[in-house]
Amino acid sequence: MFKKRDLVDDLSNDLDRARARRDALASDVTTLTDEIAQMEARLSEERDRRERARVAAEIEEIADQLADAASKFAPAVARLCDAAAAAGTVVARAGDLSGFLGAFAHEVGGELESLMSELRGRTEMARTGKTAAQLPPPSEPAPKPKNDERMPLHVPALLRRNEVPDIEAADSRRDSAA
């Protein structure tokens, strides 16, 4: 009978140790589950931060391209205005062109400033996360016309030249006069 008692005690001790191990493992599982949840949250935050930084960088690149194009455009329009103003001393209609170009440059400048301000605001919103950090999908660029499919240039009447009816005839007259 003495051996039976030892067996019961041994089994009871084994059961207590198994329960203690189970409780320790359950505690470890709970701790690991919490750690995994924290890591997943940090990973999600980092992915979000990187996506917002990527979107902000793309917006800044667009703004830089716009500013670069404007910096090339403005001097060209200014030279056109100056040239038209100089031509205005000889041809009265050139003054109209100069005025048109000045108004055009002023309007484009205002629109560019408004657009740049909007881009700066969107960049800041992307960085701070005040809005979803996504750009709209890029629109399909307009297909470039082939040489034989040139699009007509719509030029205001004030900018149109008088048409020469027959250029070849004018060239042949010039050659025969010489």
Protein backbone atom coordinates (compact mmCIF):
# COMPACT_ATOMS: atom_id res chain seq x y z
CA MET A 1 0.00 0.00 0.00
CA PHE A 2 2.96 2.25 0.62
CA LYS A 3 3.89 2.14 -3.10
CA LYS A 4 0.40 3.19 -4.14
CA ARG A 5 0.62 6.25 -1.99
CA ASP A 6 3.93 7.24 -3.54
CA LEU A 7 2.46 6.80 -6.98
CA VAL A 8 -0.49 9.07 -6.13
CA ASP A 9 1.86 11.66 -4.68
CA ASP A 10 4.11 11.45 -7.73
CA LEU A 11 1.17 11.80 -10.08
CA SER A 12 -0.18 14.69 -8.06
CA ASN A 13 3.20 16.41 -8.13
CA ASP A 14 3.50 15.78 -11.88
CA LEU A 15 0.03 17.22 -12.39
CA ASP A 16 0.92 20.33 -10.35
CA ARG A 17 4.12 20.84 -12.36
CA ALA A 18 2.25 20.38 -15.65
CA ARG A 19 -0.36 22.94 -14.56
CA ALA A 20 2.38 25.38 -13.53
CA ARG A 21 4.10 24.93 -16.92
CA ARG A 22 0.75 25.40 -18.67
CA ASP A 23 0.09 28.61 -16.73
CA ALA A 24 3.61 29.88 -17.49
CA LEU A 25 3.16 29.05 -21.18
CA ALA A 26 -0.26 30.75 -21.21
CA SER A 27 1.33 33.82 -19.65
CA ASP A 28 4.11 33.71 -22.25
CA VAL A 29 1.52 33.36 -25.04
CA THR A 30 -0.36 36.38 -23.72
CA THR A 31 2.87 38.37 -23.48
CA LEU A 32 3.92 37.33 -26.99
CA THR A 33 0.46 38.19 -28.36
CA ASP A 34 0.74 41.67 -26.84
CA GLU A 35 4.25 42.11 -28.23
CA ILE A 36 3.10 40.99 -31.69
CA ALA A 37 0.20 43.47 -31.59
CA GLN A 38 2.60 46.28 -30.64
CA MET A 39 5.03 45.33 -33.42
CA GLU A 40 2.19 45.18 -35.96
CA ALA A 41 1.02 48.65 -34.86
CA ARG A 42 4.56 50.06 -35.18
CA LEU A 43 4.96 48.39 -38.58
CA SER A 44 1.66 49.88 -39.75
CA GLU A 45 2.65 53.34 -38.48
CA GLU A 46 6.04 53.10 -40.23
CA ARG A 47 4.44 51.98 -43.50
CA ASP A 48 1.97 54.85 -43.25
CA ARG A 49 4.76 57.33 -42.50
CA ARG A 50 6.79 56.09 -45.46
CA GLU A 51 3.78 56.25 -47.78
CA ARG A 52 3.03 59.80 -46.65
CA ALA A 53 6.69 60.74 -47.20
CA ARG A 54 6.58 59.18 -50.69
CA VAL A 55 3.42 61.09 -51.59
CA ALA A 56 4.89 64.33 -50.22
CA ALA A 57 8.06 63.76 -52.27
CA GLU A 58 5.99 63.16 -55.41
CA ILE A 59 4.03 66.36 -54.83
CA GLU A 60 7.27 68.27 -54.26
CA GLU A 61 8.65 66.85 -57.51
CA ILE A 62 5.56 68.06 -59.36
CA ALA A 63 5.93 71.50 -57.76
CA ASP A 64 9.63 71.59 -58.71
CA GLN A 65 8.81 70.69 -62.32
CA LEU A 66 6.14 73.38 -62.41
CA ALA A 67 8.49 75.97 -60.92
CA ASP A 68 11.22 75.01 -63.39
CA ALA A 69 8.85 75.30 -66.34
CA ALA A 70 7.57 78.65 -65.04
CA SER A 71 11.13 79.95 -64.63
CA LYS A 72 11.75 79.19 -68.30
CA PHE A 73 8.36 80.47 -69.43
CA ALA A 74 8.41 83.84 -67.66
CA PRO A 75 11.57 85.22 -69.34
CA ALA A 76 10.30 84.11 -72.76
CA VAL A 77 7.00 85.93 -72.26
CA ALA A 78 8.87 88.99 -70.96
CA ARG A 79 11.06 89.00 -74.09
CA LEU A 80 7.94 88.69 -76.25
CA CYS A 81 6.34 91.63 -74.42
CA ASP A 82 9.48 93.73 -74.86
CA ALA A 83 9.76 92.83 -78.54
CA ALA A 84 6.07 93.56 -79.15
CA ALA A 85 6.38 96.88 -77.32
CA ALA A 86 9.38 97.77 -79.49
CA ALA A 87 7.43 96.78 -82.58
CA GLY A 88 4.59 99.00 -81.34
CA THR A 89 6.61 102.05 -82.30
CA VAL A 90 6.42 100.89 -85.92
CA VAL A 91 3.14 98.94 -86.09
CA ALA A 92 0.21 100.07 -83.98
CA ARG A 93 -1.23 96.56 -83.63
CA ALA A 94 1.95 95.39 -81.92
CA GLY A 95 0.92 97.43 -78.90
CA ASP A 96 -2.23 95.30 -78.71
CA LEU A 97 -0.07 92.19 -78.78
CA SER A 98 2.12 93.59 -76.02
CA GLY A 99 -0.96 94.28 -73.90
CA PHE A 100 -2.34 90.83 -74.59
CA LEU A 101 0.97 89.21 -73.63
CA GLY A 102 1.17 91.29 -70.45
CA ALA A 103 -2.35 90.30 -69.41
CA PHE A 104 -1.60 86.69 -70.32
CA ALA A 105 1.59 86.69 -68.24
CA HIS A 106 -0.24 88.26 -65.30
CA GLU A 107 -3.06 85.69 -65.48
CA VAL A 108 -0.65 82.76 -65.80
CA GLY A 109 1.43 84.10 -62.90
CA GLY A 110 -1.63 84.31 -60.66
CA GLU A 111 -2.75 80.81 -61.58
CA LEU A 112 0.76 79.43 -61.03
CA GLU A 113 0.98 81.04 -57.59
CA SER A 114 -2.42 79.61 -56.67
CA LEU A 115 -1.40 76.17 -57.90
CA MET A 116 1.94 76.28 -56.08
CA SER A 117 0.15 77.30 -52.86
CA GLU A 118 -2.25 74.38 -53.26
CA LEU A 119 0.66 72.00 -53.87
CA ARG A 120 2.47 73.26 -50.75
CA GLY A 121 -0.73 72.70 -48.74
CA ARG A 122 -1.14 69.19 -50.10
CA THR A 123 2.49 68.39 -49.32
CA GLU A 124 2.04 69.53 -45.72
CA MET A 125 -1.19 67.53 -45.41
CA ALA A 126 0.57 64.42 -46.71
CA ARG A 127 3.45 64.87 -44.26
CA THR A 128 1.24 65.41 -41.21
CA GLY A 129 -1.24 62.70 -42.15
CA LYS A 130 -4.27 65.00 -42.02
CA THR A 131 -5.58 63.32 -45.14
CA ALA A 132 -5.21 59.98 -46.84
CA ALA A 133 -1.72 59.74 -48.27
CA GLN A 134 -2.62 58.84 -51.80
CA LEU A 135 -2.25 60.56 -55.09
CA PRO A 136 -4.95 60.08 -57.65
CA PRO A 137 -3.96 57.60 -60.32
CA PRO A 138 -1.98 59.29 -63.07
CA SER A 139 -4.08 60.28 -66.03
CA GLU A 140 -3.16 58.94 -69.40
CA PRO A 141 -0.95 61.42 -71.20
CA ALA A 142 -2.38 62.81 -74.40
CA PRO A 143 -0.93 60.95 -77.38
CA LYS A 144 1.58 63.01 -79.26
CA PRO A 145 0.43 63.72 -82.79
CA LYS A 146 2.43 62.24 -85.61
CA ASN A 147 4.00 64.59 -88.13
CA ASP A 148 1.17 64.10 -90.59
CA GLU A 149 -1.51 64.51 -87.90
CA ARG A 150 -0.58 67.94 -86.60
CA MET A 151 -3.15 69.61 -84.47
CA PRO A 152 -4.19 73.06 -85.65
CA LEU A 153 -2.84 75.92 -83.62
CA HIS A 154 -5.59 78.22 -82.44
CA VAL A 155 -4.12 81.68 -82.68
CA PRO A 156 -6.18 84.75 -81.83
CA ALA A 157 -7.00 86.92 -84.83
CA LEU A 158 -4.71 89.61 -83.52
CA LEU A 159 -1.72 87.24 -83.76
CA ARG A 160 -2.44 85.82 -87.24
CA ARG A 161 -0.28 86.85 -90.17
CA ASN A 162 -1.72 87.81 -93.50
CA GLU A 163 -1.69 84.70 -95.63
CA VAL A 164 0.42 84.62 -98.79
CA PRO A 165 -1.74 83.03 -101.50
CA ASP A 166 1.03 81.26 -103.38
CA ILE A 167 4.48 81.04 -101.84
CA GLU A 168 6.02 79.27 -104.87
CA ALA A 169 4.80 82.02 -107.19
CA ALA A 170 6.26 84.65 -104.86
CA ASP A 171 9.59 82.79 -104.86
CA SER A 172 9.67 82.50 -108.64
CA ARG A 173 8.95 86.23 -109.02
CA ARG A 174 11.77 87.02 -106.62
CA ASP A 175 14.18 84.76 -108.56
CA SER A 176 13.23 86.25 -111.93
CA ALA A 177 13.68 89.80 -110.60
CA ALA A 178 17.20 89.02 -109.54
